Amino acid sequence: MATPAALELVAVTKRYDTTLAVDTVNLKIPAGTYCCLLGPSGCGKTSTLRMIAGHEAVSEGDIILGAQNVTDLEPAKRGTAMMFQSYALFPHLTVLDNVAFALKMRGVDRTTRHKRAGELLELVAMTPYAGRLPAQLSGGQQQRVALARALITEPQILLLDEPLSALDPFLRVKMRGELKRLQRELGISFIQVTHGQEEAMALADHIVVMNQGRIEQQGAARDIFHHPRTEFVARFIGGHNVLSDAGNLIAVRADQLGIAPFTDGAFGAPALLTQTEYQGSYIAVSLTLDDGTALFSHLPEAAFDVHPFRPGDRVLATWDPAKAQRLQ
């Protein structure tokens, strides 16, 4: 495999006519990092990935891979490989020939390219399926073939465009483990686009949250979840309530929002309890503040049983001010 390399984006911008898709993005990804670009549709994450791959031209800025400026290089000369959302396997080629295809285009002889393709199929546990066509494979198996095909060029960085989106929930969880295992074994950086918060937190060493073409926040999954900096991040990453406290916006985690019987003058925000749902390890409680703000709480079953509130009850939403996150 190729030597892992760091990636740096320097003031990278992408315009489509009058539309600003990516706005002056600065980002450093150390070698050997699993990085997820996370955000809603239209936030600029896919355009950013495609510029790194060389499938989209950079309007302004530079892309540095290792010590080389690759901004204007064609995709095949960048040291990156792309795994597409659709997998893009050739339907008329066997699994082995799909994986070996890039080496065939480089003029590598049949014996050598098939030997290398076989090694990669073994890496992704697909050796028994080498002679099958893509139509004879499940979605998860097709994904493994697409991974092997992307890796055969020995990239310094593997780029993945929502690789799990077409899989059912059970298989998605299984393949998350496969991706993480592969990244650790190979030692190269994986940069993955996703709109799934759970997926990003499960996979990434480094999460980049994007919104309207800009980086809203970046860092380790735990840091972003426990310390969201903006209202957008707190809402998008999930598990947080956003409310006003003395004129300032704060984020309070759902599992840290308590519910108490309503008492005039007591600390807390008066609210109407609108719904309760039993979720096994906790009770999900929905509330509406007097100003219309919707809140949610995850109460341990034992805590809920002390005061088994019902929809329509007047309650107080409570929290520990020391644990609330003030938002920018």
Protein backbone atom coordinates (compact mmCIF):
# COMPACT_ATOMS: atom_id res chain seq x y z
CA MET A 1 0.00 0.00 0.00
CA ALA A 2 1.00 3.62 -0.52
CA THR A 3 2.49 5.71 2.24
CA PRO A 4 -0.28 7.52 4.17
CA ALA A 5 -0.33 11.28 3.55
CA ALA A 6 -1.82 14.31 5.26
CA LEU A 7 -4.37 16.44 3.42
CA GLU A 8 -4.82 20.19 3.65
CA LEU A 9 -7.48 22.40 2.07
CA VAL A 10 -6.45 26.05 1.91
CA ALA A 11 -9.31 28.54 1.41
CA VAL A 12 -11.02 26.12 -1.00
CA THR A 13 -14.06 27.60 -2.72
CA LYS A 14 -16.49 26.16 -5.27
CA ARG A 15 -18.94 28.18 -7.35
CA TYR A 16 -21.53 26.90 -9.79
CA ASP A 17 -22.39 30.00 -11.84
CA THR A 18 -23.85 32.32 -9.18
CA THR A 19 -24.25 29.62 -6.52
CA LEU A 20 -21.58 29.44 -3.81
CA ALA A 21 -21.44 25.75 -2.87
CA VAL A 22 -18.23 25.72 -0.81
CA ASP A 23 -17.10 28.91 0.88
CA THR A 24 -13.41 29.35 1.80
CA VAL A 25 -12.93 26.00 3.55
CA ASN A 26 -9.71 25.52 5.52
CA LEU A 27 -9.13 21.99 6.76
CA LYS A 28 -6.19 19.83 7.86
CA ILE A 29 -6.57 16.04 8.02
CA PRO A 30 -3.55 14.18 9.44
CA ALA A 31 -2.32 11.03 7.70
CA GLY A 32 -4.13 7.87 8.79
CA THR A 33 -7.30 9.64 9.95
CA TYR A 34 -10.88 8.47 9.48
CA CYS A 35 -12.66 11.75 8.72
CA CYS A 36 -16.37 12.26 8.10
CA LEU A 37 -17.78 15.31 6.34
CA LEU A 38 -21.19 15.60 8.00
CA GLY A 39 -24.13 17.82 7.14
CA PRO A 40 -27.53 18.10 5.49
CA SER A 41 -28.14 17.95 1.75
CA GLY A 42 -26.75 21.01 0.00
CA CYS A 43 -24.21 21.89 2.70
CA GLY A 44 -21.20 21.48 0.37
CA LYS A 45 -19.80 18.20 1.68
CA THR A 46 -20.08 16.25 -1.60
CA SER A 47 -18.67 19.15 -3.63
CA THR A 48 -15.74 19.26 -1.21
CA LEU A 49 -15.12 15.51 -1.61
CA ARG A 50 -15.32 15.74 -5.40
CA MET A 51 -12.81 18.61 -5.45
CA ILE A 52 -10.40 16.51 -3.36
CA ALA A 53 -10.87 13.67 -5.86
CA GLY A 54 -10.39 15.96 -8.86
CA HIS A 55 -13.87 15.32 -10.24
CA GLU A 56 -14.79 18.97 -9.69
CA ALA A 57 -12.56 21.95 -10.46
CA VAL A 58 -11.60 24.23 -7.58
CA SER A 59 -12.85 27.78 -8.10
CA GLU A 60 -10.35 29.23 -5.61
CA GLY A 61 -7.86 27.85 -3.12
CA ASP A 62 -5.46 24.92 -2.98
CA ILE A 63 -5.53 21.21 -2.15
CA ILE A 64 -2.28 19.87 -0.70
CA LEU A 65 -1.71 16.11 -0.45
CA GLY A 66 1.46 15.32 1.46
CA ALA A 67 3.99 17.82 0.14
CA GLN A 68 2.35 18.19 -3.29
CA ASN A 69 -0.18 20.73 -4.51
CA VAL A 70 -2.67 18.54 -6.41
CA THR A 71 -5.25 21.25 -7.12
CA ASP A 72 -4.88 21.05 -10.90
CA LEU A 73 -3.89 17.39 -11.27
CA GLU A 74 -6.21 14.91 -12.94
CA PRO A 75 -7.84 12.33 -10.62
CA ALA A 76 -5.57 9.42 -11.58
CA LYS A 77 -2.42 11.36 -10.62
CA ARG A 78 -3.53 12.63 -7.19
CA GLY A 79 -2.90 9.63 -4.99
CA THR A 80 -6.60 9.38 -4.11
CA ALA A 81 -9.29 6.87 -5.01
CA MET A 82 -13.06 7.35 -4.96
CA MET A 83 -15.73 4.87 -3.92
CA PHE A 84 -19.00 6.10 -5.37
CA GLN A 85 -22.41 5.98 -3.69
CA SER A 86 -23.77 3.69 -6.45
CA TYR A 87 -20.61 1.48 -6.32
CA ALA A 88 -20.46 1.83 -10.16
CA LEU A 89 -19.47 -1.78 -10.83
CA PHE A 90 -19.30 -2.96 -14.44
CA PRO A 91 -22.26 -5.36 -14.83
CA HIS A 92 -20.61 -7.47 -17.57
CA LEU A 93 -17.35 -8.08 -15.68
CA THR A 94 -16.74 -10.66 -12.98
CA VAL A 95 -15.90 -9.57 -9.46
CA LEU A 96 -12.22 -10.33 -10.10
CA ASP A 97 -12.13 -8.32 -13.34
CA ASN A 98 -14.02 -5.41 -11.75
CA VAL A 99 -11.38 -5.15 -9.04
CA ALA A 100 -8.52 -5.53 -11.54
CA PHE A 101 -9.93 -3.03 -14.06
CA ALA A 102 -7.83 -0.02 -13.02
CA LEU A 103 -4.63 -2.05 -13.39
CA LYS A 104 -5.77 -3.24 -16.83
CA MET A 105 -6.14 0.41 -17.88
CA ARG A 106 -2.56 0.99 -16.72
CA GLY A 107 -1.29 -1.82 -18.93
CA VAL A 108 -0.55 -4.31 -16.15
CA ASP A 109 -0.47 -7.88 -17.44
CA ARG A 110 -3.36 -10.24 -16.69
CA THR A 111 -1.49 -12.54 -14.30
CA THR A 112 -0.15 -9.68 -12.18
CA ARG A 113 -3.40 -7.74 -11.99
CA HIS A 114 -5.45 -10.84 -11.14
CA LYS A 115 -2.97 -11.75 -8.40
CA ARG A 116 -3.28 -8.29 -6.85
CA ALA A 117 -7.09 -8.28 -7.25
CA GLY A 118 -7.23 -11.65 -5.52
CA GLU A 119 -5.24 -10.28 -2.57
CA LEU A 120 -7.69 -7.42 -2.15
CA LEU A 121 -10.71 -9.72 -2.44
CA GLU A 122 -9.20 -11.73 0.39
CA LEU A 123 -8.80 -8.51 2.40
CA VAL A 124 -12.53 -7.77 2.06
CA ALA A 125 -13.59 -11.43 2.52
CA MET A 126 -14.90 -11.82 -1.06
CA THR A 127 -12.57 -14.51 -2.46
CA PRO A 128 -15.35 -17.13 -2.92
CA TYR A 129 -17.27 -14.70 -5.15
CA ALA A 130 -14.44 -13.82 -7.56
CA GLY A 131 -16.16 -15.42 -10.56
CA ARG A 132 -19.61 -13.92 -10.02
CA LEU A 133 -21.19 -10.96 -11.76
CA PRO A 134 -22.34 -7.90 -9.73
CA ALA A 135 -26.02 -8.80 -10.25
CA GLN A 136 -25.41 -12.05 -8.36
CA LEU A 137 -24.22 -10.19 -5.23
CA SER A 138 -26.05 -8.59 -2.31
CA GLY A 139 -25.70 -4.88 -1.58
CA GLY A 140 -23.13 -5.50 1.12
CA GLN A 141 -21.10 -7.77 -1.16
CA GLN A 142 -21.16 -5.19 -3.96
CA GLN A 143 -19.86 -2.63 -1.50
CA ARG A 144 -16.93 -4.86 -0.58
CA VAL A 145 -16.07 -5.30 -4.27
CA ALA A 146 -16.23 -1.53 -4.80
CA LEU A 147 -13.89 -1.06 -1.84
CA ALA A 148 -11.40 -3.56 -3.22
CA ARG A 149 -11.54 -1.91 -6.65
CA ALA A 150 -10.86 1.52 -5.16
CA LEU A 151 -7.92 0.20 -3.12
CA ILE A 152 -6.14 -1.61 -5.96
CA THR A 153 -4.48 1.62 -7.11
CA GLU A 154 -2.85 1.90 -3.66
CA PRO A 155 -4.20 5.38 -2.86
CA GLN A 156 -2.82 7.54 -0.08
CA ILE A 157 -6.38 8.60 0.72
CA LEU A 158 -9.66 6.77 0.07
CA LEU A 159 -12.71 8.96 -0.58
CA LEU A 160 -16.17 7.54 0.13
CA ASP A 161 -19.42 9.17 -1.02
CA GLU A 162 -22.20 7.98 1.34
CA PRO A 163 -21.15 4.31 0.97
CA LEU A 164 -23.72 2.95 3.44
CA SER A 165 -26.82 4.82 2.31
CA ALA A 166 -28.21 1.99 0.14
CA LEU A 167 -27.89 -0.70 2.83
CA ASP A 168 -30.54 -1.83 5.30
CA PRO A 169 -30.04 -0.73 8.94
CA PHE A 170 -28.63 -4.06 10.17
CA LEU A 171 -26.13 -4.37 7.33
CA ARG A 172 -25.20 -0.70 7.71
CA VAL A 173 -24.03 -1.29 11.27
CA LYS A 174 -22.05 -4.37 10.20
CA MET A 175 -20.37 -2.53 7.33
CA ARG A 176 -19.40 0.36 9.63
CA GLY A 177 -17.26 -2.13 11.49
CA GLU A 178 -15.78 -3.42 8.24
CA LEU A 179 -14.85 0.07 7.07
CA LYS A 180 -13.22 0.96 10.36
CA ARG A 181 -11.28 -2.33 10.40
CA LEU A 182 -10.01 -1.76 6.87
CA GLN A 183 -8.94 1.80 7.62
CA ARG A 184 -6.98 0.70 10.66
CA GLU A 185 -5.32 -2.20 8.82
CA LEU A 186 -4.34 -0.10 5.80
CA GLY A 187 -3.26 2.93 7.81
CA ILE A 188 -4.37 5.43 5.15
CA SER A 189 -6.92 8.20 5.58
CA PHE A 190 -10.56 7.55 4.76
CA ILE A 191 -12.63 10.66 4.06
CA GLN A 192 -16.33 9.88 4.00
CA VAL A 193 -19.35 12.01 3.19
CA THR A 194 -22.46 11.29 5.25
CA HIS A 195 -25.63 12.98 6.48
CA GLY A 196 -25.97 10.40 9.28
CA GLN A 197 -24.94 11.67 12.70
CA GLU A 198 -24.81 8.19 14.21
CA GLU A 199 -22.68 6.94 11.34
CA ALA A 200 -20.19 9.80 11.68
CA MET A 201 -19.86 9.38 15.44
CA ALA A 202 -19.36 5.62 15.10
CA LEU A 203 -16.68 5.83 12.42
CA ALA A 204 -14.77 9.07 12.58
CA ASP A 205 -11.64 10.11 14.42
CA HIS A 206 -12.39 13.60 13.13
CA ILE A 207 -15.83 15.00 12.24
CA VAL A 208 -16.28 18.09 10.08
CA VAL A 209 -19.81 19.53 10.42
CA MET A 210 -20.71 21.60 7.37
CA ASN A 211 -23.54 24.07 6.84
CA GLN A 212 -24.20 26.35 3.87
CA GLY A 213 -20.79 25.72 2.35
CA ARG A 214 -18.80 26.44 5.51
CA ILE A 215 -17.30 24.41 8.33
CA GLU A 216 -19.55 24.96 11.33
CA GLN A 217 -17.44 22.92 13.77
CA GLN A 218 -14.81 20.19 13.61
CA GLY A 219 -13.19 17.87 16.10
CA ALA A 220 -13.50 14.47 17.76
CA ALA A 221 -16.98 12.97 17.96
CA ARG A 222 -17.17 13.20 21.76
CA ASP A 223 -16.05 16.83 21.76
CA ILE A 224 -18.67 17.85 19.21
CA PHE A 225 -21.45 15.94 20.97
CA HIS A 226 -20.61 17.20 24.46
CA HIS A 227 -19.62 20.74 23.41
CA PRO A 228 -21.61 21.95 20.40
CA ARG A 229 -20.63 25.53 19.61
CA THR A 230 -23.60 26.72 17.56
CA GLU A 231 -27.35 26.24 17.42
CA PHE A 232 -27.00 24.44 14.09
CA VAL A 233 -24.52 21.89 15.44
CA ALA A 234 -26.54 21.28 18.61
CA ARG A 235 -29.70 20.59 16.61
CA PHE A 236 -28.08 18.67 13.75
CA ILE A 237 -25.84 16.40 15.80
CA GLY A 238 -28.93 15.30 17.75
CA GLY A 239 -29.61 14.61 21.40
CA HIS A 240 -29.76 18.28 22.43
CA ASN A 241 -32.41 20.82 23.31
CA VAL A 242 -31.84 24.45 22.36
CA LEU A 243 -33.51 27.05 24.56
CA SER A 244 -33.10 30.60 25.75
CA ASP A 245 -31.68 31.27 29.21
CA ALA A 246 -31.51 34.92 30.32
CA GLY A 247 -31.30 36.02 26.70
CA ASN A 248 -28.59 33.52 25.74
CA LEU A 249 -29.04 30.37 23.69
CA ILE A 250 -27.96 27.20 25.49
CA ALA A 251 -27.87 23.52 24.59
CA VAL A 252 -29.05 20.94 27.13
CA ARG A 253 -28.66 17.25 26.37
CA ALA A 254 -31.85 15.21 26.39
CA ASP A 255 -30.48 12.87 29.04
CA GLN A 256 -29.66 15.89 31.24
CA LEU A 257 -33.06 17.57 30.99
CA GLY A 258 -35.08 16.72 34.07
CA ILE A 259 -38.82 17.00 34.69
CA ALA A 260 -40.34 18.04 38.00
CA PRO A 261 -43.88 18.76 39.20
CA PHE A 262 -44.87 22.35 38.47
CA THR A 263 -44.30 24.70 41.40
CA ASP A 264 -44.55 28.49 41.22
CA GLY A 265 -41.17 30.14 41.77
CA ALA A 266 -39.11 26.96 41.47
CA PHE A 267 -36.11 26.84 39.11
CA GLY A 268 -36.97 25.58 35.67
CA ALA A 269 -39.03 26.36 32.61
CA PRO A 270 -42.81 25.85 32.81
CA ALA A 271 -43.92 23.39 30.15
CA LEU A 272 -46.79 21.22 28.98
CA LEU A 273 -46.01 17.51 28.75
CA THR A 274 -47.30 16.37 25.37
CA GLN A 275 -46.13 12.77 24.93
CA THR A 276 -44.33 9.87 26.60
CA GLU A 277 -42.80 6.87 24.85
CA TYR A 278 -41.30 3.80 26.49
CA GLN A 279 -37.90 3.08 24.89
CA GLY A 280 -36.69 0.23 27.10
CA SER A 281 -33.74 1.79 28.92
CA TYR A 282 -35.41 5.19 29.17
CA ILE A 283 -38.68 7.06 28.74
CA ALA A 284 -38.76 9.62 25.92
CA VAL A 285 -40.78 12.63 27.07
CA SER A 286 -41.89 15.48 24.80
CA LEU A 287 -42.56 18.93 26.23
CA THR A 288 -43.69 22.31 24.94
CA LEU A 289 -42.60 25.49 26.71
CA ASP A 290 -44.97 28.44 27.12
CA ASP A 291 -43.23 30.21 24.22
CA GLY A 292 -43.86 27.21 21.95
CA THR A 293 -40.34 25.78 22.08
CA ALA A 294 -40.39 21.99 21.77
CA LEU A 295 -38.12 20.04 24.15
CA PHE A 296 -37.43 16.38 24.71
CA SER A 297 -36.08 14.46 27.68
CA HIS A 298 -34.70 10.95 28.08
CA LEU A 299 -35.55 9.91 31.64
CA PRO A 300 -34.31 6.66 33.18
CA GLU A 301 -37.25 4.38 33.90
CA ALA A 302 -36.66 4.55 37.67
CA ALA A 303 -36.63 8.36 37.61
CA PHE A 304 -39.82 8.51 35.58
CA ASP A 305 -41.59 6.11 37.94
CA VAL A 306 -41.09 8.56 40.84
CA HIS A 307 -43.42 10.97 39.01
CA PRO A 308 -45.22 9.06 36.22
CA PHE A 309 -46.42 12.16 34.36
CA ARG A 310 -49.09 11.94 31.69
CA PRO A 311 -49.76 13.98 28.54
CA GLY A 312 -51.47 17.22 29.49
CA ASP A 313 -49.65 17.62 32.83
CA ARG A 314 -48.14 20.97 33.72
CA VAL A 315 -44.46 20.42 34.64
CA LEU A 316 -41.10 22.14 35.03
CA ALA A 317 -38.21 21.39 32.68
CA THR A 318 -35.04 21.49 34.76
CA TRP A 319 -31.30 21.29 34.08
CA ASP A 320 -27.94 21.83 35.73
CA PRO A 321 -26.67 25.25 34.51
CA ALA A 322 -23.08 24.04 34.91
CA LYS A 323 -23.65 21.32 32.28
CA ALA A 324 -25.52 23.49 29.78
CA GLN A 325 -23.52 24.60 26.74
CA ARG A 326 -23.69 28.28 25.83
CA LEU A 327 -24.00 28.62 22.04
CA GLN A 328 -22.42 31.20 19.79
